[in-house]
């Protein structure tokens, strides 16, 4: 630790900043989208689509079981290169009953009134 240069410390700082920005990007995007929807007088959650994607299956309707270390993109990449005997298998999402979406709770409340 005695031989760390200023450029190495700066590189570590920039790398940390980029990593934090990567993790914060979806939250910032959701915040900007919600503010744009409210300025257009649309539903803040669904944008007047009346459907919200399932957070468990991400709108697909299927969940991968047995994924490598919980990383489904590793198994997807492995299968795209021709591996047919992957350990991961797809099952129907129990949260949304394999639909991939739910009715928007805000829109359904306003339509009942």
C-alpha atoms as a PDB file:
ATOM      1  CA  UNK A   1       0.000   0.000   0.000  1.00  0.00           C
ATOM      2  CA  UNK A   2       3.033   2.302   0.226  1.00  0.00           C
ATOM      3  CA  UNK A   3       3.551   2.518  -3.542  1.00  0.00           C
ATOM      4  CA  UNK A   4       0.114   3.681  -4.671  1.00  0.00           C
ATOM      5  CA  UNK A   5       0.326   6.605  -7.073  1.00  0.00           C
ATOM      6  CA  UNK A   6      -2.104   9.485  -7.422  1.00  0.00           C
ATOM      7  CA  UNK A   7      -3.269   8.228 -10.823  1.00  0.00           C
ATOM      8  CA  UNK A   8      -4.099   4.816  -9.334  1.00  0.00           C
ATOM      9  CA  UNK A   9      -6.145   6.475  -6.594  1.00  0.00           C
ATOM     10  CA  UNK A  10      -7.921   8.615  -9.204  1.00  0.00           C
ATOM     11  CA  UNK A  11      -8.621   5.504 -11.294  1.00  0.00           C
ATOM     12  CA  UNK A  12     -10.065   3.739  -8.261  1.00  0.00           C
ATOM     13  CA  UNK A  13     -12.257   6.761  -7.545  1.00  0.00           C
ATOM     14  CA  UNK A  14     -13.516   6.948 -11.137  1.00  0.00           C
ATOM     15  CA  UNK A  15     -14.183   3.200 -11.196  1.00  0.00           C
ATOM     16  CA  UNK A  16     -16.147   3.446  -7.950  1.00  0.00           C
ATOM     17  CA  UNK A  17     -18.135   6.367  -9.326  1.00  0.00           C
ATOM     18  CA  UNK A  18     -18.969   4.440 -12.518  1.00  0.00           C
ATOM     19  CA  UNK A  19     -20.016   1.382 -10.526  1.00  0.00           C
ATOM     20  CA  UNK A  20     -22.323   3.477  -8.335  1.00  0.00           C
ATOM     21  CA  UNK A  21     -23.777   5.177 -11.425  1.00  0.00           C
ATOM     22  CA  UNK A  22     -24.457   1.770 -12.977  1.00  0.00           C
ATOM     23  CA  UNK A  23     -26.409   0.618  -9.932  1.00  0.00           C
ATOM     24  CA  UNK A  24     -28.302   3.928  -9.632  1.00  0.00           C
ATOM     25  CA  UNK A  25     -29.254   4.188 -13.333  1.00  0.00           C
ATOM     26  CA  UNK A  26     -32.550   2.215 -13.149  1.00  0.00           C
ATOM     27  CA  UNK A  27     -33.762   4.282 -10.177  1.00  0.00           C
ATOM     28  CA  UNK A  28     -32.862   7.563 -11.898  1.00  0.00           C
ATOM     29  CA  UNK A  29     -34.561   6.385 -15.083  1.00  0.00           C
ATOM     30  CA  UNK A  30     -37.738   5.477 -13.181  1.00  0.00           C
ATOM     31  CA  UNK A  31     -37.742   8.869 -11.468  1.00  0.00           C
ATOM     32  CA  UNK A  32     -37.379  10.749 -14.763  1.00  0.00           C
ATOM     33  CA  UNK A  33     -40.052   8.599 -16.438  1.00  0.00           C
ATOM     34  CA  UNK A  34     -42.500   9.198 -13.576  1.00  0.00           C
ATOM     35  CA  UNK A  35     -41.957  12.961 -13.736  1.00  0.00           C
ATOM     36  CA  UNK A  36     -42.462  12.973 -17.506  1.00  0.00           C
ATOM     37  CA  UNK A  37     -45.661  10.942 -17.162  1.00  0.00           C
ATOM     38  CA  UNK A  38     -47.040  13.280 -14.510  1.00  0.00           C
ATOM     39  CA  UNK A  39     -46.253  16.340 -16.638  1.00  0.00           C
ATOM     40  CA  UNK A  40     -48.207  14.711 -19.494  1.00  0.00           C
ATOM     41  CA  UNK A  41     -51.044  13.864 -17.040  1.00  0.00           C
ATOM     42  CA  UNK A  42     -50.588  10.144 -17.515  1.00  0.00           C
ATOM     43  CA  UNK A  43     -50.602   7.424 -14.876  1.00  0.00           C
ATOM     44  CA  UNK A  44     -47.276   7.608 -13.026  1.00  0.00           C
ATOM     45  CA  UNK A  45     -46.906   3.824 -12.732  1.00  0.00           C
ATOM     46  CA  UNK A  46     -47.950   2.486 -16.126  1.00  0.00           C
ATOM     47  CA  UNK A  47     -48.119   5.477 -18.473  1.00  0.00           C
ATOM     48  CA  UNK A  48     -51.799   4.771 -19.297  1.00  0.00           C
ATOM     49  CA  UNK A  49     -51.035   1.236 -20.507  1.00  0.00           C
ATOM     50  CA  UNK A  50     -53.095  -0.163 -17.592  1.00  0.00           C
ATOM     51  CA  UNK A  51     -50.560  -3.010 -17.204  1.00  0.00           C
ATOM     52  CA  UNK A  52     -47.397  -3.314 -15.103  1.00  0.00           C
ATOM     53  CA  UNK A  53     -44.712  -5.918 -15.830  1.00  0.00           C
ATOM     54  CA  UNK A  54     -44.195  -8.573 -13.172  1.00  0.00           C
ATOM     55  CA  UNK A  55     -41.083  -7.793 -11.159  1.00  0.00           C
ATOM     56  CA  UNK A  56     -40.289 -11.447 -10.494  1.00  0.00           C
ATOM     57  CA  UNK A  57     -40.171 -12.651 -14.115  1.00  0.00           C
ATOM     58  CA  UNK A  58     -39.591  -9.191 -15.666  1.00  0.00           C
ATOM     59  CA  UNK A  59     -42.629  -9.487 -17.915  1.00  0.00           C
ATOM     60  CA  UNK A  60     -41.699 -12.783 -19.543  1.00  0.00           C
ATOM     61  CA  UNK A  61     -43.955 -15.140 -17.569  1.00  0.00           C
ATOM     62  CA  UNK A  62     -41.197 -17.689 -16.992  1.00  0.00           C
ATOM     63  CA  UNK A  63     -38.606 -18.052 -14.247  1.00  0.00           C
ATOM     64  CA  UNK A  64     -35.328 -19.908 -14.659  1.00  0.00           C
ATOM     65  CA  UNK A  65     -34.621 -22.549 -12.041  1.00  0.00           C
ATOM     66  CA  UNK A  66     -31.119 -23.726 -11.306  1.00  0.00           C
ATOM     67  CA  UNK A  67     -29.345 -20.684 -12.725  1.00  0.00           C
ATOM     68  CA  UNK A  68     -25.613 -20.426 -12.197  1.00  0.00           C
ATOM     69  CA  UNK A  69     -25.056 -18.394  -9.004  1.00  0.00           C
ATOM     70  CA  UNK A  70     -28.407 -16.688  -9.597  1.00  0.00           C
ATOM     71  CA  UNK A  71     -27.162 -15.190 -12.855  1.00  0.00           C
ATOM     72  CA  UNK A  72     -29.594 -16.094 -15.603  1.00  0.00           C
ATOM     73  CA  UNK A  73     -27.675 -14.172 -18.254  1.00  0.00           C
ATOM     74  CA  UNK A  74     -24.764 -16.606 -17.855  1.00  0.00           C
ATOM     75  CA  UNK A  75     -27.075 -19.502 -18.686  1.00  0.00           C
ATOM     76  CA  UNK A  76     -28.632 -17.554 -21.571  1.00  0.00           C
ATOM     77  CA  UNK A  77     -25.162 -16.902 -22.983  1.00  0.00           C
ATOM     78  CA  UNK A  78     -24.210 -20.543 -22.478  1.00  0.00           C
ATOM     79  CA  UNK A  79     -27.327 -21.717 -24.354  1.00  0.00           C
ATOM     80  CA  UNK A  80     -26.842 -19.216 -27.179  1.00  0.00           C
ATOM     81  CA  UNK A  81     -23.493 -20.839 -27.983  1.00  0.00           C
ATOM     82  CA  UNK A  82     -25.176 -24.184 -28.543  1.00  0.00           C
ATOM     83  CA  UNK A  83     -25.239 -25.858 -25.154  1.00  0.00           C
ATOM     84  CA  UNK A  84     -28.409 -27.909 -25.063  1.00  0.00           C
ATOM     85  CA  UNK A  85     -28.039 -29.608 -21.718  1.00  0.00           C
ATOM     86  CA  UNK A  86     -28.119 -26.568 -19.466  1.00  0.00           C
ATOM     87  CA  UNK A  87     -28.964 -27.148 -15.803  1.00  0.00           C
ATOM     88  CA  UNK A  88     -31.432 -24.247 -15.810  1.00  0.00           C
ATOM     89  CA  UNK A  89     -35.019 -24.942 -16.775  1.00  0.00           C
ATOM     90  CA  UNK A  90     -37.939 -22.564 -17.119  1.00  0.00           C
ATOM     91  CA  UNK A  91     -41.077 -22.775 -14.987  1.00  0.00           C
ATOM     92  CA  UNK A  92     -44.232 -20.665 -14.992  1.00  0.00           C
ATOM     93  CA  UNK A  93     -44.021 -17.585 -12.785  1.00  0.00           C
ATOM     94  CA  UNK A  94     -46.151 -18.133  -9.673  1.00  0.00           C
ATOM     95  CA  UNK A  95     -46.573 -14.397  -9.013  1.00  0.00           C
ATOM     96  CA  UNK A  96     -48.333 -13.471 -12.252  1.00  0.00           C
ATOM     97  CA  UNK A  97     -49.570 -16.976 -13.250  1.00  0.00           C
ATOM     98  CA  UNK A  98     -47.282 -16.896 -16.334  1.00  0.00           C
ATOM     99  CA  UNK A  99     -48.955 -13.790 -17.777  1.00  0.00           C
ATOM    100  CA  UNK A 100     -45.947 -11.528 -17.275  1.00  0.00           C
ATOM    101  CA  UNK A 101     -48.020  -8.558 -16.142  1.00  0.00           C
ATOM    102  CA  UNK A 102     -50.529  -7.242 -13.626  1.00  0.00           C
ATOM    103  CA  UNK A 103     -53.307  -4.683 -13.884  1.00  0.00           C
ATOM    104  CA  UNK A 104     -52.097  -1.267 -12.765  1.00  0.00           C
ATOM    105  CA  UNK A 105     -53.356  -0.643  -9.210  1.00  0.00           C
ATOM    106  CA  UNK A 106     -53.624   3.127  -9.746  1.00  0.00           C
ATOM    107  CA  UNK A 107     -55.630   2.823 -12.981  1.00  0.00           C
ATOM    108  CA  UNK A 108     -57.925   0.155 -11.560  1.00  0.00           C
ATOM    109  CA  UNK A 109     -58.709   2.389  -8.546  1.00  0.00           C
ATOM    110  CA  UNK A 110     -59.590   5.349 -10.748  1.00  0.00           C
ATOM    111  CA  UNK A 111     -61.791   3.246 -13.044  1.00  0.00           C
ATOM    112  CA  UNK A 112     -63.823   1.923 -10.080  1.00  0.00           C
ATOM    113  CA  UNK A 113     -64.699   5.409  -8.846  1.00  0.00           C
END
